[in-house]
Amino acid sequence: MGKDVSWGNTQACGILGLCTVVIPLSALNLGWIPVEGAPIVIPWLLFGGLVQIICGIIDFRRGGLLLATPLVLFGFMLCITPAFGEIVKIWIKSPAPGYLNGVGFLVVAAFVLALLYATGLVSSTVFYLVILLDIGLWLVGLAGLGIVGLAVPGWYLLLIFALGMVYVACAIYLNEVFGRQVLPLGAPIFKPPSATVSG
């Protein structure tokens, strides 16, 4: 093995780390997993978040920004933080005010607006999935602030987003391994900005 071996592409792994968090967390918040089963979700939150953070750091190392930034952000804010919130609620018996989670979700939702535009430069499939993510985050965040009736549709949108991103992770993985398009990800929505020439 040569000394100049570079870091491999961790994007598929990081996306799957996100999916293995959002899917069980959505199931928990939609009532498909009883409250007594919440402790089972905590390891998924912690380790799924850890996978995202590690993959995001490696992607930064490889010069990536588009996926590295949300992986690290989501790893901490949407995975590690809710895991500790569940620990507080279950074992310490001291429920945190819901508005704290609501504010956190809204901060991430605001950033996802920028991510949405950036994903439009890469793939229409990812772009449309990120629209679902952003709307879901806004709904869940506003529900955390006390607006009734938004949580359930928000968690459904996040679940659909995560299921779609499983496909994206498979496409990234297979397309890179085979060196050709095995699973399509859709053409970009926007054209990349052209370089300006300074006089």
C-alpha atoms as a PDB file:
ATOM      1  CA  MET A   1       0.000   0.000   0.000  1.00  0.00           C
ATOM      2  CA  GLY A   2       1.473   3.353  -1.046  1.00  0.00           C
ATOM      3  CA  LYS A   3       2.252   6.150   1.344  1.00  0.00           C
ATOM      4  CA  ASP A   4       0.147   8.595  -0.663  1.00  0.00           C
ATOM      5  CA  VAL A   5      -3.174   6.794  -0.013  1.00  0.00           C
ATOM      6  CA  SER A   6      -5.812   9.442   0.592  1.00  0.00           C
ATOM      7  CA  TRP A   7      -8.932   9.295   2.722  1.00  0.00           C
ATOM      8  CA  GLY A   8     -11.821   7.343   1.216  1.00  0.00           C
ATOM      9  CA  ASN A   9     -15.278   8.758   0.546  1.00  0.00           C
ATOM     10  CA  THR A  10     -17.290   8.553   3.784  1.00  0.00           C
ATOM     11  CA  GLN A  11     -20.437  10.240   2.469  1.00  0.00           C
ATOM     12  CA  ALA A  12     -22.568   7.083   2.150  1.00  0.00           C
ATOM     13  CA  CYS A  13     -21.557   5.969   5.644  1.00  0.00           C
ATOM     14  CA  GLY A  14     -22.342   9.384   7.140  1.00  0.00           C
ATOM     15  CA  ILE A  15     -25.738   9.549   5.425  1.00  0.00           C
ATOM     16  CA  LEU A  16     -26.615   6.074   6.736  1.00  0.00           C
ATOM     17  CA  GLY A  17     -25.578   7.235  10.214  1.00  0.00           C
ATOM     18  CA  LEU A  18     -28.130  10.028   9.862  1.00  0.00           C
ATOM     19  CA  CYS A  19     -30.822   7.653   8.584  1.00  0.00           C
ATOM     20  CA  THR A  20     -30.322   5.185  11.430  1.00  0.00           C
ATOM     21  CA  VAL A  21     -31.080   8.065  13.778  1.00  0.00           C
ATOM     22  CA  VAL A  22     -33.981   9.786  12.028  1.00  0.00           C
ATOM     23  CA  ILE A  23     -35.935   6.597  11.290  1.00  0.00           C
ATOM     24  CA  PRO A  24     -36.160   5.240  14.879  1.00  0.00           C
ATOM     25  CA  LEU A  25     -36.531   8.771  16.301  1.00  0.00           C
ATOM     26  CA  SER A  26     -39.450   9.375  13.925  1.00  0.00           C
ATOM     27  CA  ALA A  27     -40.997   6.041  14.893  1.00  0.00           C
ATOM     28  CA  LEU A  28     -40.669   6.990  18.571  1.00  0.00           C
ATOM     29  CA  ASN A  29     -42.222  10.425  18.100  1.00  0.00           C
ATOM     30  CA  LEU A  30     -45.025   9.052  15.907  1.00  0.00           C
ATOM     31  CA  GLY A  31     -45.946   6.619  18.698  1.00  0.00           C
ATOM     32  CA  TRP A  32     -44.949   3.472  16.810  1.00  0.00           C
ATOM     33  CA  ILE A  33     -42.438   2.713  19.560  1.00  0.00           C
ATOM     34  CA  PRO A  34     -43.959   2.936  23.050  1.00  0.00           C
ATOM     35  CA  VAL A  35     -42.430   5.398  25.478  1.00  0.00           C
ATOM     36  CA  GLU A  36     -41.065   2.435  27.445  1.00  0.00           C
ATOM     37  CA  GLY A  37     -39.002   1.548  24.374  1.00  0.00           C
ATOM     38  CA  ALA A  38     -37.280   4.957  24.255  1.00  0.00           C
ATOM     39  CA  PRO A  39     -34.082   3.666  25.925  1.00  0.00           C
ATOM     40  CA  ILE A  40     -33.567   1.373  22.905  1.00  0.00           C
ATOM     41  CA  VAL A  41     -33.484   4.461  20.639  1.00  0.00           C
ATOM     42  CA  ILE A  42     -30.776   6.195  22.691  1.00  0.00           C
ATOM     43  CA  PRO A  43     -27.843   4.041  21.460  1.00  0.00           C
ATOM     44  CA  TRP A  44     -28.981   4.609  17.872  1.00  0.00           C
ATOM     45  CA  LEU A  45     -28.965   8.356  18.504  1.00  0.00           C
ATOM     46  CA  LEU A  46     -25.535   8.317  20.144  1.00  0.00           C
ATOM     47  CA  PHE A  47     -23.732   6.018  17.737  1.00  0.00           C
ATOM     48  CA  GLY A  48     -25.542   7.266  14.628  1.00  0.00           C
ATOM     49  CA  GLY A  49     -24.500  10.770  15.641  1.00  0.00           C
ATOM     50  CA  LEU A  50     -20.939   9.627  16.275  1.00  0.00           C
ATOM     51  CA  VAL A  51     -20.773   8.006  12.818  1.00  0.00           C
ATOM     52  CA  GLN A  52     -21.948  11.261  11.244  1.00  0.00           C
ATOM     53  CA  ILE A  53     -19.421  13.368  13.121  1.00  0.00           C
ATOM     54  CA  ILE A  54     -16.507  11.070  12.252  1.00  0.00           C
ATOM     55  CA  CYS A  55     -17.563  10.901   8.593  1.00  0.00           C
ATOM     56  CA  GLY A  56     -18.065  14.663   8.481  1.00  0.00           C
ATOM     57  CA  ILE A  57     -14.569  15.300   9.875  1.00  0.00           C
ATOM     58  CA  ILE A  58     -13.082  12.892   7.316  1.00  0.00           C
ATOM     59  CA  ASP A  59     -15.038  14.641   4.557  1.00  0.00           C
ATOM     60  CA  PHE A  60     -13.623  17.989   5.745  1.00  0.00           C
ATOM     61  CA  ARG A  61     -10.171  16.383   5.594  1.00  0.00           C
ATOM     62  CA  ARG A  62     -10.862  15.386   1.990  1.00  0.00           C
ATOM     63  CA  GLY A  63     -11.796  18.990   1.171  1.00  0.00           C
ATOM     64  CA  GLY A  64     -15.557  18.491   1.260  1.00  0.00           C
ATOM     65  CA  LEU A  65     -17.904  21.134   2.578  1.00  0.00           C
ATOM     66  CA  LEU A  66     -21.332  20.366   1.120  1.00  0.00           C
ATOM     67  CA  LEU A  67     -21.928  17.180   3.125  1.00  0.00           C
ATOM     68  CA  ALA A  68     -19.281  17.531   5.840  1.00  0.00           C
ATOM     69  CA  THR A  69     -20.945  20.566   7.427  1.00  0.00           C
ATOM     70  CA  PRO A  70     -24.443  19.064   7.824  1.00  0.00           C
ATOM     71  CA  LEU A  71     -23.040  15.711   8.973  1.00  0.00           C
ATOM     72  CA  VAL A  72     -21.176  17.315  11.871  1.00  0.00           C
ATOM     73  CA  LEU A  73     -24.050  19.697  12.639  1.00  0.00           C
ATOM     74  CA  PHE A  74     -26.735  16.992  12.490  1.00  0.00           C
ATOM     75  CA  GLY A  75     -24.508  14.565  14.408  1.00  0.00           C
ATOM     76  CA  PHE A  76     -24.321  16.918  17.360  1.00  0.00           C
ATOM     77  CA  MET A  77     -27.630  18.804  17.212  1.00  0.00           C
ATOM     78  CA  LEU A  78     -30.078  16.197  15.909  1.00  0.00           C
ATOM     79  CA  CYS A  79     -28.504  13.058  17.392  1.00  0.00           C
ATOM     80  CA  ILE A  80     -26.218  13.528  20.394  1.00  0.00           C
ATOM     81  CA  THR A  81     -28.304  16.335  21.932  1.00  0.00           C
ATOM     82  CA  PRO A  82     -31.675  14.501  21.658  1.00  0.00           C
ATOM     83  CA  ALA A  83     -30.011  11.372  23.060  1.00  0.00           C
ATOM     84  CA  PHE A  84     -28.992  13.244  26.187  1.00  0.00           C
ATOM     85  CA  GLY A  85     -32.465  14.819  26.297  1.00  0.00           C
ATOM     86  CA  GLU A  86     -34.004  11.339  26.330  1.00  0.00           C
ATOM     87  CA  ILE A  87     -31.569  10.268  29.061  1.00  0.00           C
ATOM     88  CA  VAL A  88     -32.620  13.257  31.162  1.00  0.00           C
ATOM     89  CA  LYS A  89     -36.321  12.526  30.646  1.00  0.00           C
ATOM     90  CA  ILE A  90     -36.093   8.790  31.324  1.00  0.00           C
ATOM     91  CA  TRP A  91     -33.469   8.287  34.000  1.00  0.00           C
ATOM     92  CA  ILE A  92     -33.203  11.586  35.822  1.00  0.00           C
ATOM     93  CA  LYS A  93     -36.992  11.994  35.800  1.00  0.00           C
ATOM     94  CA  SER A  94     -36.658  15.699  35.088  1.00  0.00           C
ATOM     95  CA  PRO A  95     -38.274  16.533  31.744  1.00  0.00           C
ATOM     96  CA  ALA A  96     -36.627  19.424  29.942  1.00  0.00           C
ATOM     97  CA  PRO A  97     -38.910  22.150  28.605  1.00  0.00           C
ATOM     98  CA  GLY A  98     -40.023  21.271  25.079  1.00  0.00           C
ATOM     99  CA  TYR A  99     -39.194  24.734  23.773  1.00  0.00           C
ATOM    100  CA  LEU A 100     -35.460  24.017  24.158  1.00  0.00           C
ATOM    101  CA  ASN A 101     -35.687  21.244  21.561  1.00  0.00           C
ATOM    102  CA  GLY A 102     -37.966  23.441  19.481  1.00  0.00           C
ATOM    103  CA  VAL A 103     -35.410  26.231  19.314  1.00  0.00           C
ATOM    104  CA  GLY A 104     -32.651  23.752  18.412  1.00  0.00           C
ATOM    105  CA  PHE A 105     -34.697  22.296  15.557  1.00  0.00           C
ATOM    106  CA  LEU A 106     -35.470  25.798  14.250  1.00  0.00           C
ATOM    107  CA  VAL A 107     -31.780  26.773  14.248  1.00  0.00           C
ATOM    108  CA  VAL A 108     -30.952  23.674  12.196  1.00  0.00           C
ATOM    109  CA  ALA A 109     -33.953  24.354   9.911  1.00  0.00           C
ATOM    110  CA  ALA A 110     -32.622  27.845   9.188  1.00  0.00           C
ATOM    111  CA  PHE A 111     -29.249  26.399   8.152  1.00  0.00           C
ATOM    112  CA  VAL A 112     -30.934  23.751   5.984  1.00  0.00           C
ATOM    113  CA  LEU A 113     -32.236  26.581   3.760  1.00  0.00           C
ATOM    114  CA  ALA A 114     -28.616  27.206   2.724  1.00  0.00           C
ATOM    115  CA  LEU A 115     -28.013  23.463   2.402  1.00  0.00           C
ATOM    116  CA  LEU A 116     -31.072  23.226   0.157  1.00  0.00           C
ATOM    117  CA  TYR A 117     -29.661  25.726  -2.312  1.00  0.00           C
ATOM    118  CA  ALA A 118     -26.276  23.984  -2.274  1.00  0.00           C
ATOM    119  CA  THR A 119     -27.757  20.526  -2.918  1.00  0.00           C
ATOM    120  CA  GLY A 120     -29.520  21.962  -5.951  1.00  0.00           C
ATOM    121  CA  LEU A 121     -26.065  22.342  -7.510  1.00  0.00           C
ATOM    122  CA  VAL A 122     -25.487  18.580  -7.184  1.00  0.00           C
ATOM    123  CA  SER A 123     -28.622  16.436  -7.456  1.00  0.00           C
ATOM    124  CA  SER A 124     -32.353  16.931  -7.978  1.00  0.00           C
ATOM    125  CA  THR A 125     -33.097  13.847  -5.852  1.00  0.00           C
ATOM    126  CA  VAL A 126     -31.174  15.205  -2.873  1.00  0.00           C
ATOM    127  CA  PHE A 127     -32.643  18.675  -3.441  1.00  0.00           C
ATOM    128  CA  TYR A 128     -36.234  17.422  -3.169  1.00  0.00           C
ATOM    129  CA  LEU A 129     -35.411  15.271  -0.153  1.00  0.00           C
ATOM    130  CA  VAL A 130     -33.825  18.257   1.601  1.00  0.00           C
ATOM    131  CA  ILE A 131     -37.039  20.238   0.983  1.00  0.00           C
ATOM    132  CA  LEU A 132     -38.857  17.541   2.999  1.00  0.00           C
ATOM    133  CA  LEU A 133     -36.146  17.727   5.668  1.00  0.00           C
ATOM    134  CA  ASP A 134     -36.428  21.486   5.996  1.00  0.00           C
ATOM    135  CA  ILE A 135     -40.224  21.575   6.179  1.00  0.00           C
ATOM    136  CA  GLY A 136     -40.146  18.714   8.695  1.00  0.00           C
ATOM    137  CA  LEU A 137     -37.606  20.525  10.870  1.00  0.00           C
ATOM    138  CA  TRP A 138     -39.662  23.733  10.843  1.00  0.00           C
ATOM    139  CA  LEU A 139     -42.829  21.838  11.807  1.00  0.00           C
ATOM    140  CA  VAL A 140     -41.153  19.857  14.602  1.00  0.00           C
ATOM    141  CA  GLY A 141     -39.386  22.979  15.861  1.00  0.00           C
ATOM    142  CA  LEU A 142     -42.587  25.033  15.937  1.00  0.00           C
ATOM    143  CA  ALA A 143     -44.386  22.135  17.632  1.00  0.00           C
ATOM    144  CA  GLY A 144     -41.681  22.215  20.300  1.00  0.00           C
ATOM    145  CA  LEU A 145     -42.557  25.869  20.876  1.00  0.00           C
ATOM    146  CA  GLY A 146     -46.134  24.855  21.606  1.00  0.00           C
ATOM    147  CA  ILE A 147     -47.934  25.113  18.267  1.00  0.00           C
ATOM    148  CA  VAL A 148     -50.321  22.170  18.350  1.00  0.00           C
ATOM    149  CA  GLY A 149     -50.810  19.828  15.406  1.00  0.00           C
ATOM    150  CA  LEU A 150     -47.455  20.273  13.664  1.00  0.00           C
ATOM    151  CA  ALA A 151     -45.372  17.508  15.245  1.00  0.00           C
ATOM    152  CA  VAL A 152     -46.961  14.495  13.525  1.00  0.00           C
ATOM    153  CA  PRO A 153     -46.735  15.819   9.941  1.00  0.00           C
ATOM    154  CA  GLY A 154     -43.218  17.058  10.735  1.00  0.00           C
ATOM    155  CA  TRP A 155     -42.048  13.632  11.880  1.00  0.00           C
ATOM    156  CA  TYR A 156     -43.677  11.988   8.854  1.00  0.00           C
ATOM    157  CA  LEU A 157     -41.722  14.329   6.561  1.00  0.00           C
ATOM    158  CA  LEU A 158     -38.480  13.568   8.420  1.00  0.00           C
ATOM    159  CA  LEU A 159     -39.178   9.836   8.112  1.00  0.00           C
ATOM    160  CA  ILE A 160     -39.794  10.113   4.346  1.00  0.00           C
ATOM    161  CA  PHE A 161     -36.599  12.184   4.035  1.00  0.00           C
ATOM    162  CA  ALA A 162     -34.570   9.525   5.861  1.00  0.00           C
ATOM    163  CA  LEU A 163     -35.981   6.668   3.784  1.00  0.00           C
ATOM    164  CA  GLY A 164     -35.113   8.595   0.626  1.00  0.00           C
ATOM    165  CA  MET A 165     -31.605   9.258   1.905  1.00  0.00           C
ATOM    166  CA  VAL A 166     -31.068   5.501   2.338  1.00  0.00           C
ATOM    167  CA  TYR A 167     -31.455   5.331  -1.451  1.00  0.00           C
ATOM    168  CA  VAL A 168     -29.022   8.252  -1.860  1.00  0.00           C
ATOM    169  CA  ALA A 169     -26.432   6.514   0.337  1.00  0.00           C
ATOM    170  CA  CYS A 170     -26.782   3.322  -1.713  1.00  0.00           C
ATOM    171  CA  ALA A 171     -26.411   5.327  -4.931  1.00  0.00           C
ATOM    172  CA  ILE A 172     -23.268   7.132  -3.713  1.00  0.00           C
ATOM    173  CA  TYR A 173     -21.737   3.847  -2.576  1.00  0.00           C
ATOM    174  CA  LEU A 174     -22.527   1.783  -5.674  1.00  0.00           C
ATOM    175  CA  ASN A 175     -21.736   4.562  -8.146  1.00  0.00           C
ATOM    176  CA  GLU A 176     -18.318   5.063  -6.592  1.00  0.00           C
ATOM    177  CA  VAL A 177     -17.490   1.365  -6.211  1.00  0.00           C
ATOM    178  CA  PHE A 178     -18.399   0.598  -9.831  1.00  0.00           C
ATOM    179  CA  GLY A 179     -17.037   3.872 -11.203  1.00  0.00           C
ATOM    180  CA  ARG A 180     -20.239   4.517 -13.146  1.00  0.00           C
ATOM    181  CA  GLN A 181     -23.870   5.385 -12.529  1.00  0.00           C
ATOM    182  CA  VAL A 182     -25.567   2.310 -11.081  1.00  0.00           C
ATOM    183  CA  LEU A 183     -28.353   4.229  -9.322  1.00  0.00           C
ATOM    184  CA  PRO A 184     -29.267   7.692 -10.665  1.00  0.00           C
ATOM    185  CA  LEU A 185     -29.302  10.710  -8.370  1.00  0.00           C
ATOM    186  CA  GLY A 186     -30.866  13.154 -10.815  1.00  0.00           C
ATOM    187  CA  ALA A 187     -29.352  16.100 -12.624  1.00  0.00           C
ATOM    188  CA  PRO A 188     -28.565  19.330 -10.750  1.00  0.00           C
ATOM    189  CA  ILE A 189     -31.396  21.866 -10.394  1.00  0.00           C
ATOM    190  CA  PHE A 190     -29.118  24.915 -10.620  1.00  0.00           C
ATOM    191  CA  LYS A 191     -26.042  25.662 -12.674  1.00  0.00           C
ATOM    192  CA  PRO A 192     -22.866  26.279 -10.665  1.00  0.00           C
ATOM    193  CA  PRO A 193     -22.002  29.984 -10.439  1.00  0.00           C
ATOM    194  CA  SER A 194     -19.522  30.998 -13.115  1.00  0.00           C
ATOM    195  CA  ALA A 195     -16.161  32.330 -12.009  1.00  0.00           C
ATOM    196  CA  THR A 196     -15.919  36.105 -12.240  1.00  0.00           C
ATOM    197  CA  VAL A 197     -12.902  37.698 -13.811  1.00  0.00           C
ATOM    198  CA  SER A 198     -11.514  40.619 -11.868  1.00  0.00           C
ATOM    199  CA  GLY A 199      -9.925  43.382 -13.875  1.00  0.00           C
END
